[in-house]
Amino acid sequence: MPEPVIRLDEWLAELERASASSATGPDGYTAEEIAERMGIGHRAVMYHVKEWVRERRMEFVGLRKVVNVTGRISRIPVYRPVADK
């Protein structure tokens, strides 16, 4: 597997900062958005997201409506980091 552009722990820390500092921003991130920022593929991101959800470092927050390539509305899962307590 190619070396990620950003390490997983760095990415989680960045997600937490972004979520905390942006009240009007998105409530979470899609796997595609995470993959783009980390510089790894969608399948690798989903592997890590499943781990992070199991470890309670990330949570599923809902579905985002997007228009797909066929012009139909799709609902994409959105995740966000869980703040340490």
C-alpha atoms as a PDB file:
ATOM      1  CA  MET A   1       0.000   0.000   0.000  1.00  0.00           C
ATOM      2  CA  PRO A   2       1.418   3.454  -0.839  1.00  0.00           C
ATOM      3  CA  GLU A   3       2.502   5.688   2.008  1.00  0.00           C
ATOM      4  CA  PRO A   4      -0.391   8.033   2.989  1.00  0.00           C
ATOM      5  CA  VAL A   5       0.167  11.744   2.521  1.00  0.00           C
ATOM      6  CA  ILE A   6      -0.951  12.278   6.120  1.00  0.00           C
ATOM      7  CA  ARG A   7      -0.760   9.744   8.966  1.00  0.00           C
ATOM      8  CA  LEU A   8      -4.018   8.386  10.380  1.00  0.00           C
ATOM      9  CA  ASP A   9      -3.544   9.932  13.826  1.00  0.00           C
ATOM     10  CA  GLU A  10      -2.743  13.307  12.239  1.00  0.00           C
ATOM     11  CA  TRP A  11      -5.891  13.054  10.103  1.00  0.00           C
ATOM     12  CA  LEU A  12      -8.103  12.313  13.118  1.00  0.00           C
ATOM     13  CA  ALA A  13      -6.587  15.276  14.984  1.00  0.00           C
ATOM     14  CA  GLU A  14      -7.179  17.509  11.963  1.00  0.00           C
ATOM     15  CA  LEU A  15     -10.806  16.343  11.700  1.00  0.00           C
ATOM     16  CA  GLU A  16     -11.383  17.130  15.372  1.00  0.00           C
ATOM     17  CA  ARG A  17      -9.911  20.637  14.992  1.00  0.00           C
ATOM     18  CA  ALA A  18     -11.965  21.323  11.858  1.00  0.00           C
ATOM     19  CA  SER A  19     -15.184  20.125  13.464  1.00  0.00           C
ATOM     20  CA  ALA A  20     -14.569  22.134  16.620  1.00  0.00           C
ATOM     21  CA  SER A  21     -13.592  25.343  14.831  1.00  0.00           C
ATOM     22  CA  SER A  22     -16.320  25.408  12.187  1.00  0.00           C
ATOM     23  CA  ALA A  23     -19.790  25.750  13.654  1.00  0.00           C
ATOM     24  CA  THR A  24     -21.252  26.583  10.240  1.00  0.00           C
ATOM     25  CA  GLY A  25     -19.178  23.976   8.383  1.00  0.00           C
ATOM     26  CA  PRO A  26     -20.126  20.432   7.540  1.00  0.00           C
ATOM     27  CA  ASP A  27     -21.264  18.104  10.289  1.00  0.00           C
ATOM     28  CA  GLY A  28     -18.887  15.462   9.013  1.00  0.00           C
ATOM     29  CA  TYR A  29     -16.929  14.089   6.101  1.00  0.00           C
ATOM     30  CA  THR A  30     -17.697  11.551   3.404  1.00  0.00           C
ATOM     31  CA  ALA A  31     -15.283   8.716   2.665  1.00  0.00           C
ATOM     32  CA  GLU A  32     -14.444  10.453  -0.624  1.00  0.00           C
ATOM     33  CA  GLU A  33     -13.492  13.663   1.212  1.00  0.00           C
ATOM     34  CA  ILE A  34     -11.367  11.725   3.698  1.00  0.00           C
ATOM     35  CA  ALA A  35      -9.645   9.793   0.880  1.00  0.00           C
ATOM     36  CA  GLU A  36      -8.831  12.995  -0.997  1.00  0.00           C
ATOM     37  CA  ARG A  37      -7.294  14.647   2.072  1.00  0.00           C
ATOM     38  CA  MET A  38      -5.323  11.543   3.099  1.00  0.00           C
ATOM     39  CA  GLY A  39      -4.108  10.760  -0.395  1.00  0.00           C
ATOM     40  CA  ILE A  40      -5.315   7.143  -0.275  1.00  0.00           C
ATOM     41  CA  GLY A  41      -8.061   5.216  -2.018  1.00  0.00           C
ATOM     42  CA  HIS A  42     -11.728   4.943  -1.070  1.00  0.00           C
ATOM     43  CA  ARG A  43     -11.415   1.251  -0.155  1.00  0.00           C
ATOM     44  CA  ALA A  44      -8.510   1.978   2.226  1.00  0.00           C
ATOM     45  CA  VAL A  45     -10.480   4.807   3.837  1.00  0.00           C
ATOM     46  CA  MET A  46     -13.487   2.544   4.411  1.00  0.00           C
ATOM     47  CA  TYR A  47     -11.207  -0.031   6.050  1.00  0.00           C
ATOM     48  CA  HIS A  48      -9.916   2.656   8.449  1.00  0.00           C
ATOM     49  CA  VAL A  49     -13.350   4.205   9.051  1.00  0.00           C
ATOM     50  CA  LYS A  50     -14.680   0.803  10.135  1.00  0.00           C
ATOM     51  CA  GLU A  51     -11.744   0.490  12.572  1.00  0.00           C
ATOM     52  CA  TRP A  52     -12.249   4.019  13.901  1.00  0.00           C
ATOM     53  CA  VAL A  53     -15.991   3.465  14.416  1.00  0.00           C
ATOM     54  CA  ARG A  54     -15.266   0.200  16.281  1.00  0.00           C
ATOM     55  CA  GLU A  55     -12.678   2.032  18.419  1.00  0.00           C
ATOM     56  CA  ARG A  56     -15.187   4.886  18.997  1.00  0.00           C
ATOM     57  CA  ARG A  57     -12.749   7.404  17.487  1.00  0.00           C
ATOM     58  CA  MET A  58     -15.243   8.263  14.736  1.00  0.00           C
ATOM     59  CA  GLU A  59     -19.029   8.097  14.461  1.00  0.00           C
ATOM     60  CA  PHE A  60     -21.617   7.917  11.709  1.00  0.00           C
ATOM     61  CA  VAL A  61     -23.665  11.140  11.761  1.00  0.00           C
ATOM     62  CA  GLY A  62     -26.080  10.723   8.885  1.00  0.00           C
ATOM     63  CA  LEU A  63     -26.466  10.795   5.151  1.00  0.00           C
ATOM     64  CA  ARG A  64     -25.675  13.690   2.836  1.00  0.00           C
ATOM     65  CA  LYS A  65     -27.702  14.146  -0.340  1.00  0.00           C
ATOM     66  CA  VAL A  66     -25.587  14.534  -3.474  1.00  0.00           C
ATOM     67  CA  VAL A  67     -26.334  14.405  -7.181  1.00  0.00           C
ATOM     68  CA  ASN A  68     -24.525  11.452  -8.769  1.00  0.00           C
ATOM     69  CA  VAL A  69     -23.190  11.167 -12.323  1.00  0.00           C
ATOM     70  CA  THR A  70     -26.580  10.004 -13.641  1.00  0.00           C
ATOM     71  CA  GLY A  71     -28.283  13.092 -12.243  1.00  0.00           C
ATOM     72  CA  ARG A  72     -30.059  11.216  -9.478  1.00  0.00           C
ATOM     73  CA  ILE A  73     -29.919  12.156  -5.821  1.00  0.00           C
ATOM     74  CA  SER A  74     -27.858   9.726  -3.741  1.00  0.00           C
ATOM     75  CA  ARG A  75     -27.407   9.612  -0.004  1.00  0.00           C
ATOM     76  CA  ILE A  76     -23.767   9.315   1.082  1.00  0.00           C
ATOM     77  CA  PRO A  77     -22.709   8.328   4.652  1.00  0.00           C
ATOM     78  CA  VAL A  78     -21.038  11.091   6.676  1.00  0.00           C
ATOM     79  CA  TYR A  79     -18.658  10.537   9.580  1.00  0.00           C
ATOM     80  CA  ARG A  80     -17.026  12.770  12.177  1.00  0.00           C
ATOM     81  CA  PRO A  81     -14.389  12.273  14.847  1.00  0.00           C
ATOM     82  CA  VAL A  82     -15.462  11.692  18.428  1.00  0.00           C
ATOM     83  CA  ALA A  83     -13.952  14.230  20.826  1.00  0.00           C
ATOM     84  CA  ASP A  84     -11.908  12.743  23.663  1.00  0.00           C
ATOM     85  CA  LYS A  85     -13.643  13.085  26.994  1.00  0.00           C
END
